[in-house]
Structures are given as structure tokens and as C-alpha cells.
Amino acid sequence: MTRATSNPDAMPESVTGVHLMQGIGHQEAKGFWAEAWMQVFRRPGALAGLAWVAIIAFFAVFAPVIANGHPLLMWEKLDDGSWGNLSSPLIRYLRPSDVLLLFGGVLLLPWIFLPLPGKRVDRAWAAITASLQAGLCVIAAGTVASIFNARDAADWMRAWEQSKAFIPLATGIIVLLAAIPFFFIGPLKKWHSNALLV
């Protein structure tokens, strides 16, 4: 014979249909991702696969720094034997795509996974959108630079490239063109949040 508990919220050892109708023994349903992660953490093979993917992702993000042949710091030695300026060839020779990759790996990933206010899914979509925008800007800037620096570029292109207004104007046009599509297909529900992200 089972003893009746005075606490109505206590979970009985066995649950009948009457108990379920009264709300006793009913467990809150878990979300899709919570259930998926529970299944992953129960399997050692899945954990090993996640660890392997994390190692590959780490080396992919930090490859521009790890596999770089340039020194991190370099002192310039002058002709009279004294030491000149301190410089960093490793940083100087990073390409824009390398900087973008490092920025995304160091700042965006922790921003997604830290326990901050708001939904993690919204932060992930915002990070993906920002990464796509930045990638489009880097690709477009490289394309514009290669067109204007080409050997067969017209004289007006070379003259325009030498003007002081070229870099700000080209940057503004590239950023505007890269931002327009994301203003309409952004991940955030409110238009002013979308505009701020863009």
C-alpha cells in the first residue's frame, strides 16, 4: 500500500490517467534543440565528433596567424646600430578576409553562446547576417581594387583612383549595396532592430 503524500505537487511513483488529467505527473515538454542536444550529450561518438569539429574550426579560424611566416614583432635596426621603430609584420600582411575571419571567430562566436538577454537563435541569425554583409563588402572591395589597379585600366580610372574622394566614396557605395538586401531579409522581427543591424 502506498502512502499518500501531503504535498500535491510531489511526483507519484506511478501515474494513472486520472493523475494526468489532474495535472499530476505531467512533465513540461522540451524544445526541439534541447532534446537534440540531450541526445548528442548521451552519445560518446557524437561528443568525439563535436570535439573534432571544434579542433578543425579552431585551426581554420586561426590559420592566418598560426601558419603565417612573418614575425609577430620586429625591431628595425638602424645603420648607426641603434634600434628604430617596433612593427608587426604578421598584422601588417593580414588580408581583409583574414581579419574578418579572426574577428568572427574571436568576437561573434562567444557573443552567440554567452548567456546574454535575448534568444540565442536571434543572436546567431544576427551574427550570420553581419558575417554575410562583411564578406560581401570584402569581396566587392577586392573586386573594385583589382578593376581600378588593372594594367589595362582606362586613364580616367587611374586618375579617379588617385583622388582623395575615391576611397570614401567607393567604401560608401560598397557598404550601401551590401546592406540593401539585408534590410529586407533580416533576421530580426522589428524593422528598427533590422536597420540597426544593417
N, C-alpha and C. Protein backbone atom coordinates (compact mmCIF):
# COMPACT_ATOMS: atom_id res chain seq x y z
N MET A 1 0.84 -1.16 0.00
CA MET A 1 0.00 0.00 0.00
C MET A 1 0.89 1.24 0.00
N THR A 2 0.60 2.16 -0.86
CA THR A 2 1.42 3.37 -0.97
C THR A 2 0.89 4.43 -0.03
N ARG A 3 1.83 5.18 0.56
CA ARG A 3 1.44 6.25 1.47
C ARG A 3 1.08 7.49 0.68
N ALA A 4 0.03 8.15 1.06
CA ALA A 4 -0.37 9.39 0.39
C ALA A 4 0.51 10.53 0.90
N THR A 5 0.95 11.34 0.02
CA THR A 5 1.77 12.48 0.41
C THR A 5 0.89 13.70 0.58
N SER A 6 1.29 14.55 1.52
CA SER A 6 0.50 15.76 1.76
C SER A 6 0.80 16.83 0.73
N ASN A 7 1.91 16.71 0.03
CA ASN A 7 2.27 17.71 -0.98
C ASN A 7 1.63 17.32 -2.30
N PRO A 8 0.71 18.13 -2.84
CA PRO A 8 0.05 17.74 -4.10
C PRO A 8 0.97 17.86 -5.30
N ASP A 9 2.06 18.63 -5.17
CA ASP A 9 2.98 18.79 -6.29
C ASP A 9 4.00 17.67 -6.38
N ALA A 10 4.06 16.81 -5.36
CA ALA A 10 5.04 15.73 -5.38
C ALA A 10 4.70 14.75 -6.49
N MET A 11 5.75 14.23 -7.14
CA MET A 11 5.58 13.32 -8.26
C MET A 11 5.30 11.92 -7.72
N PRO A 12 4.15 11.32 -8.04
CA PRO A 12 3.88 9.95 -7.57
C PRO A 12 4.79 8.95 -8.29
N GLU A 13 4.92 7.76 -7.65
CA GLU A 13 5.78 6.73 -8.23
C GLU A 13 5.21 6.21 -9.54
N SER A 14 3.92 6.04 -9.60
CA SER A 14 3.27 5.61 -10.84
C SER A 14 2.15 6.60 -11.15
N VAL A 15 1.95 6.83 -12.42
CA VAL A 15 0.99 7.84 -12.85
C VAL A 15 -0.14 7.14 -13.59
N THR A 16 -1.36 7.45 -13.22
CA THR A 16 -2.53 6.91 -13.90
C THR A 16 -3.13 7.98 -14.79
N GLY A 17 -4.12 7.59 -15.55
CA GLY A 17 -4.80 8.56 -16.42
C GLY A 17 -5.48 9.65 -15.62
N VAL A 18 -6.01 9.29 -14.45
CA VAL A 18 -6.66 10.29 -13.59
C VAL A 18 -5.64 11.32 -13.12
N HIS A 19 -4.45 10.82 -12.73
CA HIS A 19 -3.38 11.74 -12.31
C HIS A 19 -3.02 12.71 -13.43
N LEU A 20 -2.91 12.18 -14.64
CA LEU A 20 -2.54 13.04 -15.76
C LEU A 20 -3.62 14.07 -16.04
N MET A 21 -4.89 13.67 -15.90
CA MET A 21 -5.97 14.63 -16.12
C MET A 21 -5.96 15.72 -15.05
N GLN A 22 -5.52 15.38 -13.86
CA GLN A 22 -5.45 16.37 -12.78
C GLN A 22 -4.17 17.21 -12.88
N GLY A 23 -3.29 16.86 -13.78
CA GLY A 23 -2.04 17.61 -13.92
C GLY A 23 -0.91 17.08 -13.07
N ILE A 24 -1.14 15.95 -12.41
CA ILE A 24 -0.09 15.35 -11.58
C ILE A 24 0.75 14.43 -12.45
N GLY A 25 2.04 14.55 -12.37
CA GLY A 25 2.93 13.70 -13.15
C GLY A 25 3.18 14.19 -14.55
N HIS A 26 2.58 15.30 -14.88
CA HIS A 26 2.79 15.87 -16.22
C HIS A 26 4.13 16.59 -16.26
N GLN A 27 4.94 16.26 -17.22
CA GLN A 27 6.24 16.91 -17.38
C GLN A 27 6.19 17.89 -18.54
N GLU A 28 6.87 19.02 -18.35
CA GLU A 28 6.90 20.05 -19.38
C GLU A 28 7.66 19.52 -20.60
N ALA A 29 7.09 19.72 -21.77
CA ALA A 29 7.75 19.25 -22.99
C ALA A 29 9.01 20.08 -23.25
N LYS A 30 10.04 19.41 -23.72
CA LYS A 30 11.30 20.09 -24.04
C LYS A 30 11.26 20.57 -25.47
N GLY A 31 11.99 21.64 -25.72
CA GLY A 31 12.08 22.17 -27.07
C GLY A 31 12.89 21.25 -27.97
N PHE A 32 12.81 21.51 -29.26
CA PHE A 32 13.50 20.66 -30.23
C PHE A 32 15.00 20.65 -30.00
N TRP A 33 15.60 21.85 -29.85
CA TRP A 33 17.05 21.92 -29.71
C TRP A 33 17.51 21.37 -28.37
N ALA A 34 16.72 21.56 -27.31
CA ALA A 34 17.08 20.99 -26.01
C ALA A 34 17.10 19.47 -26.09
N GLU A 35 16.10 18.91 -26.75
CA GLU A 35 16.06 17.45 -26.91
C GLU A 35 17.21 16.96 -27.79
N ALA A 36 17.50 17.71 -28.86
CA ALA A 36 18.59 17.30 -29.75
C ALA A 36 19.93 17.32 -29.02
N TRP A 37 20.18 18.38 -28.23
CA TRP A 37 21.46 18.44 -27.50
C TRP A 37 21.54 17.35 -26.43
N MET A 38 20.40 17.02 -25.80
CA MET A 38 20.43 15.92 -24.82
C MET A 38 20.81 14.62 -25.49
N GLN A 39 20.30 14.38 -26.70
CA GLN A 39 20.66 13.16 -27.43
C GLN A 39 22.14 13.16 -27.80
N VAL A 40 22.66 14.34 -28.16
CA VAL A 40 24.08 14.43 -28.52
C VAL A 40 24.96 14.13 -27.32
N PHE A 41 24.62 14.72 -26.16
CA PHE A 41 25.47 14.55 -24.98
C PHE A 41 25.39 13.16 -24.39
N ARG A 42 24.41 12.37 -24.77
CA ARG A 42 24.32 10.99 -24.29
C ARG A 42 25.21 10.04 -25.08
N ARG A 43 25.69 10.46 -26.23
CA ARG A 43 26.45 9.56 -27.10
C ARG A 43 27.92 9.97 -27.15
N PRO A 44 28.83 9.07 -26.76
CA PRO A 44 30.25 9.41 -26.78
C PRO A 44 30.77 9.66 -28.20
N GLY A 45 30.23 8.95 -29.18
CA GLY A 45 30.67 9.17 -30.56
C GLY A 45 30.31 10.56 -31.05
N ALA A 46 29.13 11.03 -30.67
CA ALA A 46 28.73 12.39 -31.07
C ALA A 46 29.60 13.43 -30.39
N LEU A 47 29.94 13.20 -29.12
CA LEU A 47 30.83 14.13 -28.42
C LEU A 47 32.22 14.16 -29.05
N ALA A 48 32.71 12.98 -29.45
CA ALA A 48 34.02 12.94 -30.12
C ALA A 48 33.96 13.68 -31.45
N GLY A 49 32.86 13.52 -32.18
CA GLY A 49 32.69 14.25 -33.44
C GLY A 49 32.65 15.75 -33.23
N LEU A 50 31.94 16.19 -32.19
CA LEU A 50 31.90 17.63 -31.88
C LEU A 50 33.28 18.15 -31.50
N ALA A 51 34.03 17.38 -30.74
CA ALA A 51 35.38 17.80 -30.37
C ALA A 51 36.26 17.92 -31.61
N TRP A 52 36.13 16.98 -32.54
CA TRP A 52 36.92 17.03 -33.77
C TRP A 52 36.55 18.24 -34.62
N VAL A 53 35.26 18.52 -34.74
CA VAL A 53 34.82 19.69 -35.50
C VAL A 53 35.32 20.97 -34.84
N ALA A 54 35.32 21.02 -33.49
CA ALA A 54 35.81 22.20 -32.78
C ALA A 54 37.31 22.41 -33.03
N ILE A 55 38.08 21.32 -33.06
CA ILE A 55 39.52 21.44 -33.34
C ILE A 55 39.75 21.95 -34.75
N ILE A 56 39.05 21.39 -35.72
CA ILE A 56 39.19 21.83 -37.11
C ILE A 56 38.77 23.29 -37.25
N ALA A 57 37.67 23.68 -36.60
CA ALA A 57 37.20 25.07 -36.67
C ALA A 57 38.21 26.02 -36.04
N PHE A 58 38.83 25.61 -34.93
CA PHE A 58 39.84 26.46 -34.30
C PHE A 58 41.00 26.72 -35.24
N PHE A 59 41.53 25.66 -35.86
CA PHE A 59 42.66 25.85 -36.77
C PHE A 59 42.25 26.56 -38.05
N ALA A 60 41.00 26.43 -38.47
CA ALA A 60 40.55 27.17 -39.65
C ALA A 60 40.47 28.66 -39.37
N VAL A 61 39.98 29.02 -38.18
CA VAL A 61 39.84 30.44 -37.84
C VAL A 61 41.21 31.07 -37.60
N PHE A 62 42.09 30.38 -36.90
CA PHE A 62 43.38 30.97 -36.54
C PHE A 62 44.51 30.60 -37.50
N ALA A 63 44.18 30.00 -38.64
CA ALA A 63 45.21 29.66 -39.63
C ALA A 63 46.00 30.86 -40.13
N PRO A 64 45.37 32.03 -40.35
CA PRO A 64 46.17 33.18 -40.80
C PRO A 64 47.25 33.60 -39.81
N VAL A 65 47.06 33.29 -38.54
CA VAL A 65 48.06 33.65 -37.54
C VAL A 65 49.03 32.50 -37.31
N ILE A 66 48.50 31.27 -37.25
CA ILE A 66 49.35 30.11 -36.95
C ILE A 66 50.29 29.79 -38.10
N ALA A 67 49.78 29.81 -39.33
CA ALA A 67 50.57 29.40 -40.49
C ALA A 67 51.19 30.60 -41.20
N ASN A 68 51.41 31.68 -40.50
CA ASN A 68 51.98 32.88 -41.09
C ASN A 68 53.50 32.82 -40.94
N GLY A 69 54.22 33.14 -42.00
CA GLY A 69 55.68 33.11 -41.95
C GLY A 69 56.31 34.39 -41.44
N HIS A 70 55.51 35.42 -41.21
CA HIS A 70 56.05 36.70 -40.77
C HIS A 70 56.19 36.72 -39.25
N PRO A 71 57.19 37.45 -38.74
CA PRO A 71 57.34 37.55 -37.28
C PRO A 71 56.23 38.39 -36.66
N LEU A 72 55.95 38.08 -35.40
CA LEU A 72 54.91 38.83 -34.70
C LEU A 72 55.37 40.26 -34.42
N LEU A 73 56.57 40.42 -33.90
CA LEU A 73 57.14 41.74 -33.63
C LEU A 73 58.53 41.83 -34.24
N MET A 74 58.89 43.01 -34.69
CA MET A 74 60.20 43.19 -35.30
C MET A 74 60.70 44.60 -34.98
N TRP A 75 61.93 44.66 -34.47
CA TRP A 75 62.59 45.94 -34.24
C TRP A 75 63.42 46.27 -35.46
N GLU A 76 63.34 47.50 -35.89
CA GLU A 76 64.13 47.94 -37.03
C GLU A 76 65.49 48.43 -36.52
N LYS A 77 66.57 47.83 -37.05
CA LYS A 77 67.92 48.24 -36.63
C LYS A 77 68.45 49.26 -37.62
N LEU A 78 68.82 50.41 -37.11
CA LEU A 78 69.30 51.49 -37.96
C LEU A 78 70.77 51.30 -38.31
N ASP A 79 71.27 52.11 -39.26
CA ASP A 79 72.65 51.99 -39.71
C ASP A 79 73.66 52.28 -38.61
N ASP A 80 73.32 53.16 -37.68
CA ASP A 80 74.26 53.51 -36.61
C ASP A 80 74.25 52.49 -35.47
N GLY A 81 73.48 51.43 -35.59
CA GLY A 81 73.44 50.38 -34.58
C GLY A 81 72.34 50.54 -33.55
N SER A 82 71.65 51.65 -33.57
CA SER A 82 70.56 51.85 -32.62
C SER A 82 69.28 51.18 -33.15
N TRP A 83 68.33 51.02 -32.24
CA TRP A 83 67.08 50.36 -32.59
C TRP A 83 66.05 51.41 -32.98
N GLY A 84 65.34 51.13 -34.04
CA GLY A 84 64.33 52.06 -34.55
C GLY A 84 62.93 51.68 -34.10
N ASN A 85 62.01 51.75 -35.03
CA ASN A 85 60.59 51.52 -34.72
C ASN A 85 60.28 50.04 -34.52
N LEU A 86 59.30 49.80 -33.68
CA LEU A 86 58.77 48.46 -33.48
C LEU A 86 57.58 48.27 -34.42
N SER A 87 57.57 47.18 -35.16
CA SER A 87 56.47 46.92 -36.09
C SER A 87 56.03 45.46 -35.96
N SER A 88 54.89 45.15 -36.55
CA SER A 88 54.36 43.79 -36.54
C SER A 88 54.06 43.36 -37.97
N PRO A 89 55.01 42.70 -38.63
CA PRO A 89 54.75 42.23 -40.00
C PRO A 89 53.59 41.24 -40.09
N LEU A 90 53.39 40.45 -39.05
CA LEU A 90 52.29 39.48 -39.08
C LEU A 90 50.95 40.20 -39.24
N ILE A 91 50.75 41.27 -38.49
CA ILE A 91 49.50 42.02 -38.58
C ILE A 91 49.44 42.83 -39.86
N ARG A 92 50.57 43.39 -40.28
CA ARG A 92 50.58 44.24 -41.48
C ARG A 92 50.21 43.45 -42.73
N TYR A 93 50.60 42.19 -42.82
CA TYR A 93 50.36 41.42 -44.04
C TYR A 93 49.10 40.55 -43.98
N LEU A 94 48.27 40.74 -42.96
CA LEU A 94 46.99 40.03 -42.96
C LEU A 94 46.08 40.64 -44.02
N ARG A 95 45.38 39.80 -44.75
CA ARG A 95 44.43 40.29 -45.76
C ARG A 95 43.10 40.63 -45.08
N PRO A 96 42.24 41.39 -45.75
CA PRO A 96 40.94 41.71 -45.13
C PRO A 96 40.11 40.47 -44.80
N SER A 97 40.20 39.45 -45.62
CA SER A 97 39.44 38.22 -45.32
C SER A 97 39.98 37.54 -44.06
N ASP A 98 41.30 37.61 -43.84
CA ASP A 98 41.88 37.04 -42.62
C ASP A 98 41.39 37.79 -41.38
N VAL A 99 41.37 39.12 -41.47
CA VAL A 99 40.91 39.93 -40.34
C VAL A 99 39.44 39.64 -40.06
N LEU A 100 38.65 39.50 -41.10
CA LEU A 100 37.23 39.21 -40.94
C LEU A 100 37.02 37.85 -40.28
N LEU A 101 37.79 36.86 -40.68
CA LEU A 101 37.69 35.53 -40.10
C LEU A 101 38.09 35.54 -38.62
N LEU A 102 39.17 36.23 -38.29
CA LEU A 102 39.60 36.33 -36.90
C LEU A 102 38.57 37.07 -36.06
N PHE A 103 38.03 38.15 -36.60
CA PHE A 103 37.01 38.92 -35.88
C PHE A 103 35.79 38.06 -35.59
N GLY A 104 35.34 37.33 -36.59
CA GLY A 104 34.17 36.47 -36.40
C GLY A 104 34.42 35.36 -35.39
N GLY A 105 35.61 34.76 -35.44
CA GLY A 105 35.91 33.67 -34.52
C GLY A 105 36.13 34.12 -33.09
N VAL A 106 36.71 35.30 -32.92
CA VAL A 106 37.05 35.76 -31.57
C VAL A 106 35.88 36.48 -30.91
N LEU A 107 35.10 37.25 -31.66
CA LEU A 107 34.05 38.06 -31.05
C LEU A 107 32.64 37.53 -31.27
N LEU A 108 32.32 37.10 -32.48
CA LEU A 108 30.93 36.72 -32.76
C LEU A 108 30.53 35.40 -32.11
N LEU A 109 31.41 34.40 -32.15
CA LEU A 109 31.04 33.11 -31.56
C LEU A 109 30.80 33.19 -30.06
N PRO A 110 31.69 33.84 -29.28
CA PRO A 110 31.36 33.99 -27.86
C PRO A 110 30.09 34.81 -27.62
N TRP A 111 29.85 35.82 -28.47
CA TRP A 111 28.64 36.63 -28.32
C TRP A 111 27.39 35.78 -28.50
N ILE A 112 27.45 34.79 -29.38
CA ILE A 112 26.30 33.92 -29.59
C ILE A 112 26.07 33.01 -28.39
N PHE A 113 27.14 32.45 -27.83
CA PHE A 113 26.99 31.41 -26.82
C PHE A 113 27.00 31.91 -25.38
N LEU A 114 27.33 33.18 -25.14
CA LEU A 114 27.28 33.70 -23.77
C LEU A 114 25.83 33.83 -23.31
N PRO A 115 25.59 33.66 -22.01
CA PRO A 115 24.22 33.80 -21.51
C PRO A 115 23.83 35.28 -21.40
N LEU A 116 23.43 35.86 -22.49
CA LEU A 116 23.03 37.26 -22.56
C LEU A 116 21.52 37.35 -22.70
N PRO A 117 20.94 38.53 -22.44
CA PRO A 117 19.50 38.66 -22.65
C PRO A 117 19.13 38.46 -24.12
N GLY A 118 17.95 37.97 -24.33
CA GLY A 118 17.51 37.70 -25.70
C GLY A 118 17.74 36.24 -26.07
N LYS A 119 17.16 35.86 -27.18
CA LYS A 119 17.27 34.48 -27.63
C LYS A 119 18.59 34.26 -28.35
N ARG A 120 19.16 33.10 -28.11
CA ARG A 120 20.41 32.74 -28.75
C ARG A 120 20.24 32.58 -30.26
N VAL A 121 19.06 32.14 -30.68
CA VAL A 121 18.80 31.97 -32.12
C VAL A 121 18.83 33.32 -32.82
N ASP A 122 18.24 34.35 -32.19
CA ASP A 122 18.26 35.68 -32.79
C ASP A 122 19.68 36.22 -32.90
N ARG A 123 20.49 35.96 -31.86
CA ARG A 123 21.89 36.41 -31.92
C ARG A 123 22.65 35.66 -33.01
N ALA A 124 22.35 34.37 -33.17
CA ALA A 124 23.03 33.59 -34.22
C ALA A 124 22.66 34.11 -35.60
N TRP A 125 21.36 34.40 -35.82
CA TRP A 125 20.95 34.94 -37.12
C TRP A 125 21.56 36.31 -37.37
N ALA A 126 21.64 37.14 -36.33
CA ALA A 126 22.26 38.45 -36.47
C ALA A 126 23.75 38.31 -36.82
N ALA A 127 24.43 37.34 -36.19
CA ALA A 127 25.85 37.12 -36.49
C ALA A 127 26.03 36.61 -37.92
N ILE A 128 25.15 35.72 -38.37
CA ILE A 128 25.24 35.22 -39.74
C ILE A 128 25.01 36.35 -40.73
N THR A 129 24.01 37.19 -40.46
CA THR A 129 23.73 38.32 -41.35
C THR A 129 24.90 39.29 -41.40
N ALA A 130 25.45 39.62 -40.22
CA ALA A 130 26.59 40.54 -40.18
C ALA A 130 27.80 39.94 -40.90
N SER A 131 28.01 38.64 -40.76
CA SER A 131 29.14 37.98 -41.44
C SER A 131 28.96 38.01 -42.95
N LEU A 132 27.74 37.74 -43.41
CA LEU A 132 27.48 37.80 -44.85
C LEU A 132 27.68 39.20 -45.40
N GLN A 133 27.22 40.21 -44.67
CA GLN A 133 27.41 41.59 -45.11
C GLN A 133 28.89 41.94 -45.18
N ALA A 134 29.63 41.58 -44.14
CA ALA A 134 31.06 41.88 -44.12
C ALA A 134 31.79 41.13 -45.24
N GLY A 135 31.41 39.87 -45.46
CA GLY A 135 32.03 39.11 -46.55
C GLY A 135 31.75 39.72 -47.91
N LEU A 136 30.50 40.16 -48.13
CA LEU A 136 30.18 40.83 -49.40
C LEU A 136 30.98 42.11 -49.56
N CYS A 137 31.15 42.86 -48.48
CA CYS A 137 31.93 44.11 -48.56
C CYS A 137 33.39 43.83 -48.91
N VAL A 138 33.97 42.80 -48.29
CA VAL A 138 35.38 42.47 -48.57
C VAL A 138 35.54 42.01 -50.02
N ILE A 139 34.63 41.18 -50.50
CA ILE A 139 34.71 40.70 -51.88
C ILE A 139 34.54 41.85 -52.86
N ALA A 140 33.55 42.71 -52.61
CA ALA A 140 33.32 43.85 -53.51
C ALA A 140 34.49 44.82 -53.49
N ALA A 141 35.07 45.06 -52.31
CA ALA A 141 36.23 45.97 -52.24
C ALA A 141 37.42 45.40 -53.00
N GLY A 142 37.64 44.09 -52.88
CA GLY A 142 38.72 43.47 -53.65
C GLY A 142 38.49 43.53 -55.14
N THR A 143 37.24 43.36 -55.55
CA THR A 143 36.90 43.45 -56.98
C THR A 143 37.13 44.85 -57.51
N VAL A 144 36.66 45.85 -56.77
CA VAL A 144 36.85 47.25 -57.21
C VAL A 144 38.33 47.59 -57.27
N ALA A 145 39.09 47.17 -56.27
CA ALA A 145 40.53 47.45 -56.27
C ALA A 145 41.23 46.79 -57.45
N SER A 146 40.86 45.54 -57.77
CA SER A 146 41.51 44.87 -58.90
C SER A 146 41.13 45.50 -60.24
N ILE A 147 39.90 46.00 -60.36
CA ILE A 147 39.49 46.66 -61.61
C ILE A 147 40.24 47.97 -61.80
N PHE A 148 40.34 48.76 -60.74
CA PHE A 148 40.99 50.06 -60.86
C PHE A 148 42.51 49.96 -60.89
N ASN A 149 43.09 48.85 -60.43
CA ASN A 149 44.55 48.67 -60.46
C ASN A 149 45.01 47.83 -61.64
N ALA A 150 44.11 47.42 -62.51
CA ALA A 150 44.48 46.56 -63.64
C ALA A 150 45.41 47.29 -64.60
N ARG A 151 46.22 46.52 -65.32
CA ARG A 151 47.16 47.13 -66.28
C ARG A 151 46.43 47.85 -67.40
N ASP A 152 45.31 47.28 -67.83
CA ASP A 152 44.58 47.87 -68.95
C ASP A 152 43.47 48.82 -68.49
N ALA A 153 43.56 49.34 -67.27
CA ALA A 153 42.54 50.28 -66.77
C ALA A 153 42.63 51.59 -67.54
N ALA A 154 41.50 52.20 -67.77
CA ALA A 154 41.44 53.47 -68.52
C ALA A 154 42.11 54.58 -67.70
N ASP A 155 42.51 55.62 -68.41
CA ASP A 155 43.20 56.73 -67.74
C ASP A 155 42.29 57.42 -66.72
N TRP A 156 41.00 57.54 -67.05
CA TRP A 156 40.10 58.20 -66.09
C TRP A 156 39.96 57.38 -64.82
N MET A 157 40.08 56.02 -64.93
CA MET A 157 40.01 55.18 -63.74
C MET A 157 41.23 55.38 -62.86
N ARG A 158 42.39 55.47 -63.49
CA ARG A 158 43.62 55.70 -62.72
C ARG A 158 43.60 57.08 -62.05
N ALA A 159 43.10 58.07 -62.78
CA ALA A 159 43.03 59.42 -62.21
C ALA A 159 42.03 59.45 -61.05
N TRP A 160 40.91 58.77 -61.22
CA TRP A 160 39.89 58.73 -60.17
C TRP A 160 40.41 57.99 -58.93
N GLU A 161 41.22 56.94 -59.16
CA GLU A 161 41.76 56.18 -58.03
C GLU A 161 42.73 57.03 -57.21
N GLN A 162 43.44 57.94 -57.85
CA GLN A 162 44.41 58.78 -57.15
C GLN A 162 43.75 59.93 -56.38
N SER A 163 42.49 60.21 -56.64
CA SER A 163 41.83 61.33 -55.95
C SER A 163 41.54 60.96 -54.50
N LYS A 164 41.41 61.99 -53.66
CA LYS A 164 41.17 61.77 -52.23
C LYS A 164 39.77 61.25 -51.95
N ALA A 165 38.84 61.51 -52.83
CA ALA A 165 37.45 61.10 -52.60
C ALA A 165 37.18 59.66 -53.01
N PHE A 166 38.15 58.99 -53.64
CA PHE A 166 37.89 57.65 -54.18
C PHE A 166 37.59 56.65 -53.07
N ILE A 167 38.45 56.56 -52.06
CA ILE A 167 38.27 55.54 -51.02
C ILE A 167 36.98 55.76 -50.23
N PRO A 168 36.68 56.99 -49.73
CA PRO A 168 35.41 57.14 -49.01
C PRO A 168 34.18 56.88 -49.88
N LEU A 169 34.22 57.35 -51.12
CA LEU A 169 33.06 57.16 -52.00
C LEU A 169 32.87 55.69 -52.37
N ALA A 170 33.96 55.02 -52.73
CA ALA A 170 33.87 53.60 -53.08
C ALA A 170 33.42 52.77 -51.87
N THR A 171 33.96 53.10 -50.69
CA THR A 171 33.55 52.37 -49.49
C THR A 171 32.08 52.58 -49.19
N GLY A 172 31.61 53.80 -49.30
CA GLY A 172 30.19 54.08 -49.04
C GLY A 172 29.27 53.36 -50.01
N ILE A 173 29.63 53.35 -51.29
CA ILE A 173 28.80 52.67 -52.28
C ILE A 173 28.78 51.16 -52.03
N ILE A 174 29.95 50.59 -51.72
CA ILE A 174 30.03 49.14 -51.47
C ILE A 174 29.21 48.77 -50.25
N VAL A 175 29.35 49.52 -49.17
CA VAL A 175 28.61 49.21 -47.94
C VAL A 175 27.11 49.36 -48.17
N LEU A 176 26.71 50.39 -48.89
CA LEU A 176 25.28 50.60 -49.16
C LEU A 176 24.71 49.46 -50.01
N LEU A 177 25.43 49.07 -51.05
CA LEU A 177 24.95 47.98 -51.90
C LEU A 177 24.90 46.65 -51.16
N ALA A 178 25.86 46.43 -50.25
CA ALA A 178 25.85 45.18 -49.48
C ALA A 178 24.77 45.18 -48.41
N ALA A 179 24.35 46.36 -47.95
CA ALA A 179 23.37 46.43 -46.86
C ALA A 179 21.93 46.37 -47.35
N ILE A 180 21.66 46.83 -48.56
CA ILE A 180 20.28 46.93 -49.03
C ILE A 180 19.53 45.59 -49.00
N PRO A 181 20.08 44.49 -49.51
CA PRO A 181 19.30 43.24 -49.46
C PRO A 181 19.00 42.78 -48.04
N PHE A 182 19.94 43.01 -47.12
CA PHE A 182 19.76 42.50 -45.76
C PHE A 182 18.77 43.34 -44.96
N PHE A 183 18.47 44.55 -45.43
CA PHE A 183 17.46 45.35 -44.75
C PHE A 183 16.08 44.71 -44.91
N PHE A 184 15.86 44.04 -46.02
CA PHE A 184 14.55 43.44 -46.29
C PHE A 184 14.46 41.98 -45.85
N ILE A 185 15.58 41.28 -45.78
CA ILE A 185 15.53 39.86 -45.41
C ILE A 185 16.19 39.61 -44.07
N GLY A 186 16.30 40.63 -43.24
CA GLY A 186 17.00 40.50 -41.97
C GLY A 186 16.33 39.51 -41.03
N PRO A 187 17.07 39.03 -40.04
CA PRO A 187 16.55 38.01 -39.14
C PRO A 187 15.71 38.56 -38.00
N LEU A 188 15.81 39.85 -37.73
CA LEU A 188 15.11 40.40 -36.57
C LEU A 188 13.69 40.81 -36.95
N LYS A 189 12.79 40.72 -35.99
CA LYS A 189 11.37 40.92 -36.28
C LYS A 189 11.01 42.39 -36.39
N LYS A 190 11.69 43.26 -35.67
CA LYS A 190 11.35 44.68 -35.69
C LYS A 190 12.21 45.39 -36.72
N TRP A 191 11.61 46.30 -37.47
CA TRP A 191 12.33 46.95 -38.57
C TRP A 191 13.44 47.84 -38.05
N HIS A 192 13.26 48.49 -36.88
CA HIS A 192 14.33 49.37 -36.40
C HIS A 192 15.52 48.57 -35.90
N SER A 193 15.29 47.36 -35.34
CA SER A 193 16.41 46.49 -34.97
C SER A 193 17.13 46.00 -36.21
N ASN A 194 16.37 45.69 -37.26
CA ASN A 194 16.96 45.27 -38.53
C ASN A 194 17.82 46.39 -39.11
N ALA A 195 17.31 47.63 -39.06
CA ALA A 195 18.07 48.77 -39.59
C ALA A 195 19.35 48.97 -38.80
N LEU A 196 19.29 48.79 -37.48
CA LEU A 196 20.49 48.93 -36.66
C LEU A 196 21.51 47.86 -36.99
N LEU A 197 21.05 46.63 -37.22
CA LEU A 197 21.96 45.54 -37.59
C LEU A 197 22.61 45.80 -38.93
N VAL A 198 21.83 46.27 -39.90
CA VAL A 198 22.36 46.55 -41.23
C VAL A 198 23.34 47.69 -41.13
